[in-house]
Amino acid sequence: MRQATLPPARQQARARSTRSAIILAAAGVFEEYGYGNTSLAAVASAAGVTKGALYFHFASKDALAVAVIEEQHALASADGARVHALSRSALETMVLICRGFALQLIEHSVMRAGIRLTFEASAFGHDVRRPYLDWVSRFGELARTAQQDGDLRPDLDADAFARVVVGSYTGVQMVSNVLTGRADVIERLADLWRMLLPGVVGPDRHERVQQLVALFRDGP
């Protein structure tokens, strides 16, 4: 007896579900073993799909690694949009975006795998500059708005500040991962803000430094 064919909408929904399951499973495997030691057979097994189903969605391990990186950036961007929707000051928004990213690193394997793959991207020739350029651009815009608000020094180079935040944040969370598996990532990043903010806040806003550090550490 011929098997019934699913309606196109249900086929598409099933395909999306399978693709998402593969990306999630791949994230767990990439996070644990890294790009070089991950096999597509292991990913298929973790996802509960056949290798044929995996190859239907991803033609190679390279394509799967890129998909995990892109999903990681999409998750981070979505959380950034959530923070923007809170309509807080620009400097508070920057702090809370960084807090949200840290919480995602703790909670989501896709985030952790995407970060690991970013630093292993030379193994599969993927250009990983876009997410970093995106965050530098976003934080530069927030910094300029914070200058207009008086929260940041008017003579501050907003784009340089954005590059320092992105670079420092990346380094601190990486060291936290090496030393504690990111168990202390919130406190270590709070240390970063505690040391960074006094040099960049507006001349009459120094009383806000501890408030902003507490906002990062404890949330709104």
N, C-alpha and C. Protein backbone atom coordinates (compact mmCIF):
# COMPACT_ATOMS: atom_id res chain seq x y z
N MET A 1 0.85 -1.19 0.00
CA MET A 1 0.00 0.00 0.00
C MET A 1 0.89 1.24 0.00
N ARG A 2 0.56 2.20 -0.86
CA ARG A 2 1.38 3.39 -0.98
C ARG A 2 1.23 4.26 0.26
N GLN A 3 2.39 4.75 0.76
CA GLN A 3 2.38 5.60 1.95
C GLN A 3 1.77 6.96 1.62
N ALA A 4 0.93 7.44 2.52
CA ALA A 4 0.29 8.74 2.31
C ALA A 4 1.34 9.85 2.33
N THR A 5 1.15 10.80 1.43
CA THR A 5 2.05 11.95 1.34
C THR A 5 1.54 13.07 2.23
N LEU A 6 2.44 13.63 3.04
CA LEU A 6 2.05 14.74 3.91
C LEU A 6 1.76 15.98 3.08
N PRO A 7 0.82 16.79 3.52
CA PRO A 7 0.58 18.08 2.85
C PRO A 7 1.86 18.92 2.88
N PRO A 8 2.06 19.81 1.90
CA PRO A 8 3.29 20.61 1.83
C PRO A 8 3.59 21.38 3.11
N ALA A 9 2.59 21.95 3.75
CA ALA A 9 2.83 22.72 4.98
C ALA A 9 3.40 21.83 6.08
N ARG A 10 2.86 20.61 6.18
CA ARG A 10 3.36 19.68 7.21
C ARG A 10 4.74 19.17 6.85
N GLN A 11 5.00 18.97 5.55
CA GLN A 11 6.34 18.57 5.13
C GLN A 11 7.36 19.64 5.50
N GLN A 12 7.00 20.90 5.25
CA GLN A 12 7.91 21.99 5.57
C GLN A 12 8.14 22.10 7.07
N ALA A 13 7.07 21.93 7.84
CA ALA A 13 7.20 22.00 9.30
C ALA A 13 8.10 20.87 9.80
N ARG A 14 7.92 19.67 9.24
CA ARG A 14 8.74 18.53 9.65
C ARG A 14 10.20 18.78 9.26
N ALA A 15 10.43 19.33 8.08
CA ALA A 15 11.80 19.61 7.64
C ALA A 15 12.47 20.63 8.56
N ARG A 16 11.72 21.68 8.92
CA ARG A 16 12.28 22.68 9.84
C ARG A 16 12.60 22.07 11.19
N SER A 17 11.69 21.21 11.68
CA SER A 17 11.91 20.55 12.96
C SER A 17 13.15 19.66 12.93
N THR A 18 13.30 18.91 11.84
CA THR A 18 14.46 18.03 11.70
C THR A 18 15.74 18.84 11.62
N ARG A 19 15.71 19.91 10.84
CA ARG A 19 16.90 20.76 10.72
C ARG A 19 17.29 21.35 12.08
N SER A 20 16.32 21.82 12.83
CA SER A 20 16.60 22.39 14.16
C SER A 20 17.18 21.34 15.09
N ALA A 21 16.62 20.12 15.02
CA ALA A 21 17.12 19.04 15.88
C ALA A 21 18.56 18.69 15.53
N ILE A 22 18.89 18.72 14.25
CA ILE A 22 20.26 18.42 13.82
C ILE A 22 21.21 19.49 14.32
N ILE A 23 20.83 20.77 14.19
CA ILE A 23 21.69 21.86 14.65
C ILE A 23 21.91 21.77 16.16
N LEU A 24 20.86 21.49 16.91
CA LEU A 24 20.99 21.38 18.36
C LEU A 24 21.90 20.22 18.74
N ALA A 25 21.70 19.09 18.09
CA ALA A 25 22.56 17.93 18.38
C ALA A 25 24.00 18.21 17.98
N ALA A 26 24.18 18.84 16.82
CA ALA A 26 25.53 19.18 16.37
C ALA A 26 26.22 20.10 17.35
N ALA A 27 25.47 21.05 17.90
CA ALA A 27 26.06 21.97 18.88
C ALA A 27 26.62 21.21 20.06
N GLY A 28 25.86 20.24 20.56
CA GLY A 28 26.35 19.46 21.69
C GLY A 28 27.61 18.69 21.37
N VAL A 29 27.67 18.12 20.16
CA VAL A 29 28.85 17.34 19.76
C VAL A 29 30.03 18.25 19.50
N PHE A 30 29.81 19.35 18.76
CA PHE A 30 30.90 20.29 18.49
C PHE A 30 31.45 20.89 19.79
N GLU A 31 30.54 21.21 20.71
CA GLU A 31 30.99 21.80 21.97
C GLU A 31 31.91 20.85 22.72
N GLU A 32 31.55 19.58 22.73
CA GLU A 32 32.33 18.61 23.49
C GLU A 32 33.62 18.20 22.80
N TYR A 33 33.57 18.00 21.48
CA TYR A 33 34.71 17.41 20.79
C TYR A 33 35.45 18.37 19.87
N GLY A 34 34.87 19.53 19.56
CA GLY A 34 35.51 20.42 18.62
C GLY A 34 35.26 20.01 17.18
N TYR A 35 35.61 20.90 16.27
CA TYR A 35 35.34 20.64 14.86
C TYR A 35 36.09 19.39 14.36
N GLY A 36 37.38 19.31 14.65
CA GLY A 36 38.21 18.26 14.07
C GLY A 36 37.80 16.87 14.50
N ASN A 37 37.32 16.71 15.72
CA ASN A 37 36.99 15.39 16.24
C ASN A 37 35.51 15.04 16.15
N THR A 38 34.74 15.88 15.48
CA THR A 38 33.31 15.61 15.31
C THR A 38 33.07 14.90 13.99
N SER A 39 32.26 13.84 14.03
CA SER A 39 31.87 13.14 12.81
C SER A 39 30.39 13.36 12.56
N LEU A 40 30.01 13.32 11.30
CA LEU A 40 28.59 13.46 10.96
C LEU A 40 27.79 12.27 11.47
N ALA A 41 28.42 11.12 11.56
CA ALA A 41 27.74 9.94 12.10
C ALA A 41 27.36 10.18 13.56
N ALA A 42 28.26 10.80 14.31
CA ALA A 42 27.98 11.09 15.72
C ALA A 42 26.85 12.11 15.84
N VAL A 43 26.84 13.11 14.96
CA VAL A 43 25.77 14.11 14.98
C VAL A 43 24.43 13.46 14.64
N ALA A 44 24.41 12.63 13.59
CA ALA A 44 23.17 11.95 13.20
C ALA A 44 22.64 11.10 14.34
N SER A 45 23.54 10.39 15.02
CA SER A 45 23.12 9.55 16.14
C SER A 45 22.55 10.40 17.26
N ALA A 46 23.21 11.52 17.58
CA ALA A 46 22.74 12.39 18.66
C ALA A 46 21.39 13.02 18.31
N ALA A 47 21.18 13.31 17.02
CA ALA A 47 19.93 13.92 16.59
C ALA A 47 18.81 12.91 16.40
N GLY A 48 19.15 11.64 16.36
CA GLY A 48 18.14 10.61 16.13
C GLY A 48 17.64 10.58 14.71
N VAL A 49 18.53 10.89 13.75
CA VAL A 49 18.15 10.87 12.33
C VAL A 49 19.15 9.99 11.57
N THR A 50 18.78 9.61 10.37
CA THR A 50 19.70 8.86 9.52
C THR A 50 20.72 9.81 8.91
N LYS A 51 21.83 9.24 8.46
CA LYS A 51 22.82 10.09 7.79
C LYS A 51 22.24 10.69 6.52
N GLY A 52 21.34 9.94 5.86
CA GLY A 52 20.69 10.48 4.67
C GLY A 52 19.88 11.72 4.99
N ALA A 53 19.15 11.69 6.11
CA ALA A 53 18.36 12.86 6.52
C ALA A 53 19.28 14.03 6.84
N LEU A 54 20.42 13.72 7.48
CA LEU A 54 21.36 14.80 7.80
C LEU A 54 21.91 15.42 6.52
N TYR A 55 22.31 14.58 5.57
CA TYR A 55 22.88 15.10 4.32
C TYR A 55 21.83 15.84 3.49
N PHE A 56 20.56 15.53 3.69
CA PHE A 56 19.52 16.27 2.99
C PHE A 56 19.55 17.74 3.39
N HIS A 57 19.86 18.01 4.66
CA HIS A 57 19.88 19.38 5.16
C HIS A 57 21.27 20.02 5.10
N PHE A 58 22.31 19.21 5.27
CA PHE A 58 23.68 19.75 5.33
C PHE A 58 24.59 18.86 4.49
N ALA A 59 25.16 19.44 3.45
CA ALA A 59 25.95 18.65 2.51
C ALA A 59 27.30 18.22 3.07
N SER A 60 27.76 18.88 4.14
CA SER A 60 29.08 18.57 4.68
C SER A 60 29.17 19.01 6.13
N LYS A 61 30.24 18.58 6.79
CA LYS A 61 30.48 19.02 8.16
C LYS A 61 30.73 20.53 8.20
N ASP A 62 31.40 21.04 7.15
CA ASP A 62 31.62 22.49 7.08
C ASP A 62 30.30 23.24 7.11
N ALA A 63 29.34 22.80 6.29
CA ALA A 63 28.04 23.47 6.22
C ALA A 63 27.32 23.41 7.56
N LEU A 64 27.45 22.29 8.24
CA LEU A 64 26.80 22.13 9.54
C LEU A 64 27.45 23.05 10.58
N ALA A 65 28.76 23.16 10.56
CA ALA A 65 29.45 24.06 11.49
C ALA A 65 29.04 25.51 11.25
N VAL A 66 28.96 25.90 9.99
CA VAL A 66 28.53 27.27 9.66
C VAL A 66 27.11 27.51 10.16
N ALA A 67 26.24 26.51 10.01
CA ALA A 67 24.85 26.66 10.47
C ALA A 67 24.79 26.86 11.98
N VAL A 68 25.65 26.18 12.73
CA VAL A 68 25.68 26.35 14.18
C VAL A 68 26.15 27.76 14.53
N ILE A 69 27.18 28.25 13.85
CA ILE A 69 27.66 29.61 14.09
C ILE A 69 26.57 30.63 13.78
N GLU A 70 25.88 30.43 12.66
CA GLU A 70 24.81 31.36 12.29
C GLU A 70 23.65 31.32 13.27
N GLU A 71 23.33 30.13 13.77
CA GLU A 71 22.26 30.00 14.77
C GLU A 71 22.66 30.69 16.07
N GLN A 72 23.92 30.55 16.44
CA GLN A 72 24.42 31.21 17.65
C GLN A 72 24.27 32.73 17.53
N HIS A 73 24.64 33.27 16.38
CA HIS A 73 24.53 34.73 16.19
C HIS A 73 23.07 35.16 16.15
N ALA A 74 22.21 34.33 15.57
CA ALA A 74 20.79 34.66 15.52
C ALA A 74 20.19 34.69 16.93
N LEU A 75 20.58 33.74 17.77
CA LEU A 75 20.09 33.71 19.15
C LEU A 75 20.56 34.95 19.91
N ALA A 76 21.83 35.29 19.75
CA ALA A 76 22.36 36.46 20.44
C ALA A 76 21.68 37.74 19.95
N SER A 77 21.45 37.83 18.64
CA SER A 77 20.81 39.02 18.07
C SER A 77 19.37 39.14 18.55
N ALA A 78 18.68 38.01 18.64
CA ALA A 78 17.30 38.04 19.12
C ALA A 78 17.23 38.51 20.56
N ASP A 79 18.18 38.07 21.38
CA ASP A 79 18.18 38.53 22.77
C ASP A 79 18.55 40.01 22.84
N GLY A 80 19.43 40.47 21.95
CA GLY A 80 19.74 41.89 21.89
C GLY A 80 18.51 42.71 21.55
N ALA A 81 17.70 42.21 20.63
CA ALA A 81 16.46 42.91 20.27
C ALA A 81 15.50 42.94 21.45
N ARG A 82 15.47 41.84 22.22
CA ARG A 82 14.62 41.81 23.43
C ARG A 82 15.04 42.90 24.40
N VAL A 83 16.36 43.05 24.60
CA VAL A 83 16.86 44.07 25.52
C VAL A 83 16.54 45.46 25.01
N HIS A 84 16.71 45.69 23.70
CA HIS A 84 16.38 46.99 23.12
C HIS A 84 14.92 47.36 23.39
N ALA A 85 14.06 46.36 23.35
CA ALA A 85 12.62 46.60 23.53
C ALA A 85 12.29 47.05 24.96
N LEU A 86 13.23 46.91 25.89
CA LEU A 86 13.00 47.36 27.26
C LEU A 86 13.02 48.88 27.37
N SER A 87 13.54 49.54 26.35
CA SER A 87 13.59 51.01 26.28
C SER A 87 14.33 51.63 27.46
N ARG A 88 15.44 51.03 27.82
CA ARG A 88 16.29 51.60 28.86
C ARG A 88 17.32 52.52 28.20
N SER A 89 18.12 53.20 28.99
CA SER A 89 19.13 54.09 28.42
C SER A 89 20.10 53.28 27.57
N ALA A 90 20.82 53.99 26.70
CA ALA A 90 21.74 53.30 25.78
C ALA A 90 22.83 52.55 26.54
N LEU A 91 23.39 53.16 27.59
CA LEU A 91 24.45 52.49 28.33
C LEU A 91 23.90 51.29 29.10
N GLU A 92 22.74 51.43 29.69
CA GLU A 92 22.11 50.29 30.34
C GLU A 92 21.80 49.18 29.34
N THR A 93 21.37 49.56 28.16
CA THR A 93 21.09 48.57 27.11
C THR A 93 22.34 47.79 26.75
N MET A 94 23.47 48.48 26.63
CA MET A 94 24.72 47.81 26.32
C MET A 94 25.09 46.82 27.42
N VAL A 95 24.97 47.26 28.66
CA VAL A 95 25.29 46.38 29.79
C VAL A 95 24.38 45.16 29.81
N LEU A 96 23.08 45.37 29.57
CA LEU A 96 22.13 44.27 29.63
C LEU A 96 22.27 43.32 28.44
N ILE A 97 22.66 43.83 27.28
CA ILE A 97 22.93 42.95 26.15
C ILE A 97 24.10 42.02 26.49
N CYS A 98 25.13 42.58 27.10
CA CYS A 98 26.27 41.76 27.50
C CYS A 98 25.87 40.74 28.57
N ARG A 99 25.00 41.14 29.48
CA ARG A 99 24.52 40.19 30.50
C ARG A 99 23.73 39.06 29.83
N GLY A 100 22.86 39.41 28.90
CA GLY A 100 22.07 38.40 28.22
C GLY A 100 22.93 37.40 27.48
N PHE A 101 23.99 37.90 26.84
CA PHE A 101 24.89 37.01 26.12
C PHE A 101 25.58 36.06 27.09
N ALA A 102 25.98 36.57 28.26
CA ALA A 102 26.63 35.72 29.26
C ALA A 102 25.69 34.64 29.74
N LEU A 103 24.44 34.99 30.00
CA LEU A 103 23.46 34.00 30.44
C LEU A 103 23.22 32.95 29.36
N GLN A 104 23.20 33.38 28.10
CA GLN A 104 23.03 32.41 27.02
C GLN A 104 24.21 31.44 26.95
N LEU A 105 25.41 31.94 27.21
CA LEU A 105 26.58 31.05 27.22
C LEU A 105 26.43 29.98 28.31
N ILE A 106 25.86 30.36 29.44
CA ILE A 106 25.67 29.42 30.53
C ILE A 106 24.58 28.40 30.18
N GLU A 107 23.53 28.86 29.51
CA GLU A 107 22.31 28.06 29.37
C GLU A 107 22.20 27.29 28.06
N HIS A 108 22.86 27.74 26.97
CA HIS A 108 22.58 27.19 25.65
C HIS A 108 23.83 26.59 25.00
N SER A 109 23.75 25.32 24.66
CA SER A 109 24.89 24.66 24.01
C SER A 109 25.17 25.26 22.64
N VAL A 110 24.14 25.74 21.95
CA VAL A 110 24.37 26.36 20.63
C VAL A 110 25.28 27.58 20.77
N MET A 111 25.09 28.37 21.83
CA MET A 111 25.94 29.54 22.05
C MET A 111 27.38 29.10 22.30
N ARG A 112 27.56 28.14 23.17
CA ARG A 112 28.91 27.70 23.51
C ARG A 112 29.59 27.05 22.31
N ALA A 113 28.84 26.23 21.56
CA ALA A 113 29.42 25.59 20.38
C ALA A 113 29.77 26.62 19.31
N GLY A 114 28.89 27.62 19.12
CA GLY A 114 29.17 28.64 18.13
C GLY A 114 30.44 29.41 18.44
N ILE A 115 30.64 29.73 19.72
CA ILE A 115 31.87 30.42 20.12
C ILE A 115 33.09 29.54 19.88
N ARG A 116 32.99 28.26 20.26
CA ARG A 116 34.14 27.36 20.04
C ARG A 116 34.44 27.24 18.55
N LEU A 117 33.41 27.07 17.74
CA LEU A 117 33.63 26.92 16.30
C LEU A 117 34.20 28.19 15.68
N THR A 118 33.81 29.35 16.22
CA THR A 118 34.36 30.60 15.71
C THR A 118 35.89 30.60 15.80
N PHE A 119 36.40 30.06 16.89
CA PHE A 119 37.84 30.05 17.08
C PHE A 119 38.52 28.85 16.43
N GLU A 120 37.73 27.96 15.87
CA GLU A 120 38.28 26.84 15.11
C GLU A 120 37.99 26.98 13.61
N ALA A 121 37.49 28.15 13.21
CA ALA A 121 36.99 28.33 11.84
C ALA A 121 38.07 28.17 10.78
N SER A 122 39.34 28.36 11.15
CA SER A 122 40.40 28.18 10.16
C SER A 122 40.43 26.74 9.64
N ALA A 123 39.88 25.80 10.44
CA ALA A 123 39.86 24.40 10.01
C ALA A 123 38.89 24.16 8.88
N PHE A 124 37.89 25.03 8.72
CA PHE A 124 36.94 24.83 7.63
C PHE A 124 36.76 26.09 6.78
N GLY A 125 37.66 27.03 6.91
CA GLY A 125 37.73 28.16 5.99
C GLY A 125 36.55 29.11 6.00
N HIS A 126 35.86 29.21 7.13
CA HIS A 126 34.69 30.10 7.19
C HIS A 126 35.10 31.48 7.70
N ASP A 127 34.61 32.52 7.06
CA ASP A 127 34.87 33.89 7.48
C ASP A 127 33.96 34.22 8.66
N VAL A 128 34.52 34.39 9.84
CA VAL A 128 33.72 34.60 11.06
C VAL A 128 33.72 36.06 11.50
N ARG A 129 34.10 36.97 10.61
CA ARG A 129 34.18 38.37 11.02
C ARG A 129 32.80 39.02 11.20
N ARG A 130 31.80 38.57 10.45
CA ARG A 130 30.52 39.28 10.42
C ARG A 130 29.89 39.47 11.79
N PRO A 131 29.77 38.41 12.63
CA PRO A 131 29.15 38.64 13.95
C PRO A 131 29.90 39.68 14.78
N TYR A 132 31.23 39.65 14.72
CA TYR A 132 32.00 40.61 15.51
C TYR A 132 31.84 42.03 14.97
N LEU A 133 31.86 42.17 13.65
CA LEU A 133 31.66 43.48 13.06
C LEU A 133 30.26 44.00 13.37
N ASP A 134 29.30 43.08 13.40
CA ASP A 134 27.92 43.46 13.72
C ASP A 134 27.84 44.01 15.14
N TRP A 135 28.44 43.30 16.10
CA TRP A 135 28.37 43.75 17.49
C TRP A 135 29.15 45.04 17.71
N VAL A 136 30.29 45.18 17.05
CA VAL A 136 31.05 46.44 17.16
C VAL A 136 30.21 47.60 16.63
N SER A 137 29.53 47.39 15.51
CA SER A 137 28.68 48.44 14.95
C SER A 137 27.53 48.78 15.90
N ARG A 138 26.87 47.76 16.44
CA ARG A 138 25.74 48.01 17.36
C ARG A 138 26.19 48.75 18.61
N PHE A 139 27.31 48.31 19.18
CA PHE A 139 27.78 48.95 20.40
C PHE A 139 28.32 50.36 20.12
N GLY A 140 28.87 50.57 18.93
CA GLY A 140 29.29 51.93 18.57
C GLY A 140 28.10 52.88 18.52
N GLU A 141 26.99 52.41 17.95
CA GLU A 141 25.78 53.24 17.90
C GLU A 141 25.25 53.51 19.30
N LEU A 142 25.23 52.49 20.16
CA LEU A 142 24.78 52.68 21.54
C LEU A 142 25.70 53.64 22.28
N ALA A 143 26.99 53.53 22.04
CA ALA A 143 27.93 54.43 22.72
C ALA A 143 27.71 55.88 22.31
N ARG A 144 27.43 56.11 21.03
CA ARG A 144 27.17 57.48 20.58
C ARG A 144 25.89 58.04 21.22
N THR A 145 24.88 57.18 21.32
CA THR A 145 23.65 57.62 21.98
C THR A 145 23.91 57.90 23.46
N ALA A 146 24.73 57.06 24.10
CA ALA A 146 25.07 57.27 25.51
C ALA A 146 25.84 58.57 25.71
N GLN A 147 26.64 58.94 24.73
CA GLN A 147 27.32 60.23 24.80
C GLN A 147 26.31 61.38 24.74
N GLN A 148 25.34 61.26 23.86
CA GLN A 148 24.29 62.28 23.78
C GLN A 148 23.49 62.37 25.08
N ASP A 149 23.33 61.23 25.76
CA ASP A 149 22.62 61.20 27.03
C ASP A 149 23.45 61.75 28.18
N GLY A 150 24.75 61.92 27.95
CA GLY A 150 25.64 62.36 29.01
C GLY A 150 26.20 61.23 29.85
N ASP A 151 25.86 59.98 29.51
CA ASP A 151 26.34 58.84 30.30
C ASP A 151 27.78 58.48 29.98
N LEU A 152 28.25 58.77 28.78
CA LEU A 152 29.64 58.54 28.41
C LEU A 152 30.32 59.86 28.08
N ARG A 153 31.62 59.91 28.29
CA ARG A 153 32.39 61.13 28.06
C ARG A 153 32.20 61.61 26.62
N PRO A 154 32.03 62.92 26.42
CA PRO A 154 31.82 63.43 25.06
C PRO A 154 33.05 63.27 24.17
N ASP A 155 34.24 63.17 24.77
CA ASP A 155 35.47 63.05 23.97
C ASP A 155 35.84 61.59 23.70
N LEU A 156 34.99 60.67 24.14
CA LEU A 156 35.26 59.24 23.95
C LEU A 156 35.12 58.87 22.47
N ASP A 157 36.05 58.06 21.97
CA ASP A 157 35.93 57.49 20.63
C ASP A 157 34.95 56.32 20.72
N ALA A 158 33.72 56.53 20.27
CA ALA A 158 32.66 55.53 20.46
C ALA A 158 33.00 54.20 19.78
N ASP A 159 33.56 54.26 18.58
CA ASP A 159 33.86 53.01 17.87
C ASP A 159 35.01 52.27 18.53
N ALA A 160 36.01 53.01 19.04
CA ALA A 160 37.11 52.36 19.75
C ALA A 160 36.60 51.71 21.03
N PHE A 161 35.71 52.40 21.74
CA PHE A 161 35.11 51.84 22.95
C PHE A 161 34.35 50.55 22.62
N ALA A 162 33.61 50.56 21.53
CA ALA A 162 32.86 49.36 21.13
C ALA A 162 33.81 48.20 20.84
N ARG A 163 34.92 48.48 20.17
CA ARG A 163 35.88 47.41 19.89
C ARG A 163 36.50 46.87 21.17
N VAL A 164 36.78 47.76 22.13
CA VAL A 164 37.34 47.32 23.41
C VAL A 164 36.34 46.44 24.16
N VAL A 165 35.07 46.85 24.18
CA VAL A 165 34.06 46.06 24.89
C VAL A 165 33.94 44.68 24.27
N VAL A 166 33.82 44.60 22.94
CA VAL A 166 33.65 43.30 22.27
C VAL A 166 34.89 42.43 22.47
N GLY A 167 36.08 43.02 22.29
CA GLY A 167 37.30 42.24 22.44
C GLY A 167 37.54 41.78 23.87
N SER A 168 37.31 42.69 24.83
CA SER A 168 37.52 42.34 26.24
C SER A 168 36.51 41.30 26.69
N TYR A 169 35.27 41.49 26.30
CA TYR A 169 34.21 40.55 26.66
C TYR A 169 34.54 39.16 26.15
N THR A 170 34.99 39.08 24.90
CA THR A 170 35.34 37.79 24.30
C THR A 170 36.47 37.12 25.07
N GLY A 171 37.50 37.90 25.41
CA GLY A 171 38.63 37.33 26.13
C GLY A 171 38.27 36.88 27.53
N VAL A 172 37.49 37.67 28.26
CA VAL A 172 37.14 37.33 29.63
C VAL A 172 36.31 36.05 29.69
N GLN A 173 35.32 35.94 28.78
CA GLN A 173 34.49 34.73 28.83
C GLN A 173 35.29 33.50 28.41
N MET A 174 36.28 33.68 27.52
CA MET A 174 37.12 32.54 27.13
C MET A 174 37.97 32.05 28.29
N VAL A 175 38.58 33.00 29.02
CA VAL A 175 39.41 32.62 30.17
C VAL A 175 38.54 31.98 31.25
N SER A 176 37.34 32.52 31.45
CA SER A 176 36.42 31.92 32.41
C SER A 176 36.10 30.48 32.02
N ASN A 177 35.93 30.23 30.73
CA ASN A 177 35.65 28.87 30.26
C ASN A 177 36.82 27.94 30.56
N VAL A 178 38.04 28.42 30.30
CA VAL A 178 39.23 27.59 30.53
C VAL A 178 39.39 27.26 32.02
N LEU A 179 39.17 28.26 32.88
CA LEU A 179 39.46 28.08 34.30
C LEU A 179 38.32 27.43 35.08
N THR A 180 37.08 27.76 34.73
CA THR A 180 35.95 27.28 35.55
C THR A 180 34.80 26.72 34.74
N GLY A 181 34.98 26.54 33.43
CA GLY A 181 33.85 26.11 32.60
C GLY A 181 32.74 27.14 32.59
N ARG A 182 33.12 28.41 32.73
CA ARG A 182 32.22 29.57 32.77
C ARG A 182 31.34 29.61 34.02
N ALA A 183 31.69 28.87 35.05
CA ALA A 183 30.91 28.93 36.29
C ALA A 183 30.97 30.32 36.92
N ASP A 184 32.06 31.05 36.68
CA ASP A 184 32.21 32.38 37.27
C ASP A 184 32.10 33.50 36.24
N VAL A 185 31.51 33.20 35.07
CA VAL A 185 31.56 34.17 33.97
C VAL A 185 30.84 35.48 34.31
N ILE A 186 29.73 35.42 35.05
CA ILE A 186 29.02 36.64 35.41
C ILE A 186 29.89 37.52 36.29
N GLU A 187 30.52 36.96 37.31
CA GLU A 187 31.36 37.75 38.21
C GLU A 187 32.58 38.30 37.49
N ARG A 188 33.18 37.51 36.62
CA ARG A 188 34.38 37.99 35.92
C ARG A 188 34.02 39.13 34.95
N LEU A 189 32.87 39.02 34.32
CA LEU A 189 32.45 40.10 33.42
C LEU A 189 31.99 41.32 34.21
N ALA A 190 31.43 41.10 35.39
CA ALA A 190 31.12 42.24 36.27
C ALA A 190 32.41 42.95 36.66
N ASP A 191 33.49 42.19 36.90
CA ASP A 191 34.80 42.81 37.17
C ASP A 191 35.22 43.69 36.00
N LEU A 192 35.00 43.20 34.79
CA LEU A 192 35.37 43.98 33.60
C LEU A 192 34.65 45.32 33.59
N TRP A 193 33.33 45.31 33.80
CA TRP A 193 32.58 46.57 33.80
C TRP A 193 33.02 47.46 34.96
N ARG A 194 33.31 46.87 36.12
CA ARG A 194 33.73 47.66 37.28
C ARG A 194 35.03 48.41 37.00
N MET A 195 35.91 47.81 36.22
CA MET A 195 37.19 48.43 35.92
C MET A 195 37.12 49.34 34.70
N LEU A 196 36.22 49.03 33.77
CA LEU A 196 36.14 49.78 32.53
C LEU A 196 35.35 51.08 32.68
N LEU A 197 34.23 51.02 33.38
CA LEU A 197 33.31 52.15 33.41
C LEU A 197 33.88 53.44 34.01
N PRO A 198 34.67 53.40 35.09
CA PRO A 198 35.15 54.67 35.64
C PRO A 198 35.94 55.52 34.66
N GLY A 199 36.55 54.91 33.67
CA GLY A 199 37.34 55.66 32.70
C GLY A 199 36.54 56.22 31.54
N VAL A 200 35.25 55.82 31.42
CA VAL A 200 34.50 56.22 30.23
C VAL A 200 33.19 56.95 30.53
N VAL A 201 32.69 56.86 31.76
CA VAL A 201 31.41 57.51 32.04
C VAL A 201 31.58 59.03 32.04
N GLY A 202 30.46 59.74 31.86
CA GLY A 202 30.47 61.20 31.86
C GLY A 202 30.99 61.74 33.18
N PRO A 203 31.51 62.97 33.17
CA PRO A 203 32.16 63.54 34.36
C PRO A 203 31.26 63.64 35.58
N ASP A 204 29.95 63.74 35.37
CA ASP A 204 29.03 63.84 36.52
C ASP A 204 28.21 62.57 36.71
N ARG A 205 28.68 61.45 36.15
CA ARG A 205 27.91 60.20 36.23
C ARG A 205 28.65 59.09 36.97
N HIS A 206 29.71 59.44 37.70
CA HIS A 206 30.50 58.38 38.33
C HIS A 206 29.72 57.62 39.40
N GLU A 207 28.69 58.26 39.97
CA GLU A 207 27.89 57.55 40.96
C GLU A 207 27.10 56.41 40.34
N ARG A 208 27.01 56.38 39.00
CA ARG A 208 26.25 55.35 38.31
C ARG A 208 27.05 54.06 38.10
N VAL A 209 28.37 54.14 38.32
CA VAL A 209 29.20 52.97 38.01
C VAL A 209 28.75 51.75 38.79
N GLN A 210 28.60 51.86 40.08
CA GLN A 210 28.19 50.72 40.89
C GLN A 210 26.79 50.24 40.53
N GLN A 211 25.92 51.19 40.16
CA GLN A 211 24.56 50.82 39.75
C GLN A 211 24.60 49.98 38.47
N LEU A 212 25.46 50.39 37.54
CA LEU A 212 25.58 49.66 36.28
C LEU A 212 26.22 48.29 36.48
N VAL A 213 27.21 48.21 37.34
CA VAL A 213 27.83 46.91 37.64
C VAL A 213 26.81 45.98 38.28
N ALA A 214 26.02 46.53 39.22
CA ALA A 214 24.96 45.72 39.85
C ALA A 214 23.91 45.29 38.83
N LEU A 215 23.62 46.16 37.87
CA LEU A 215 22.66 45.82 36.82
C LEU A 215 23.17 44.65 36.01
N PHE A 216 24.46 44.65 35.69
CA PHE A 216 25.03 43.53 34.96
C PHE A 216 25.01 42.27 35.80
N ARG A 217 25.43 42.37 37.04
CA ARG A 217 25.57 41.19 37.89
C ARG A 217 24.22 40.58 38.27
N ASP A 218 23.25 41.43 38.61
CA ASP A 218 21.98 40.97 39.18
C ASP A 218 20.81 41.04 38.23
N GLY A 219 20.93 41.81 37.16
CA GLY A 219 19.83 41.98 36.22
C GLY A 219 18.90 43.09 36.64
N PRO A 220 17.96 43.46 35.75
CA PRO A 220 17.05 44.57 36.05
C PRO A 220 16.03 44.20 37.13
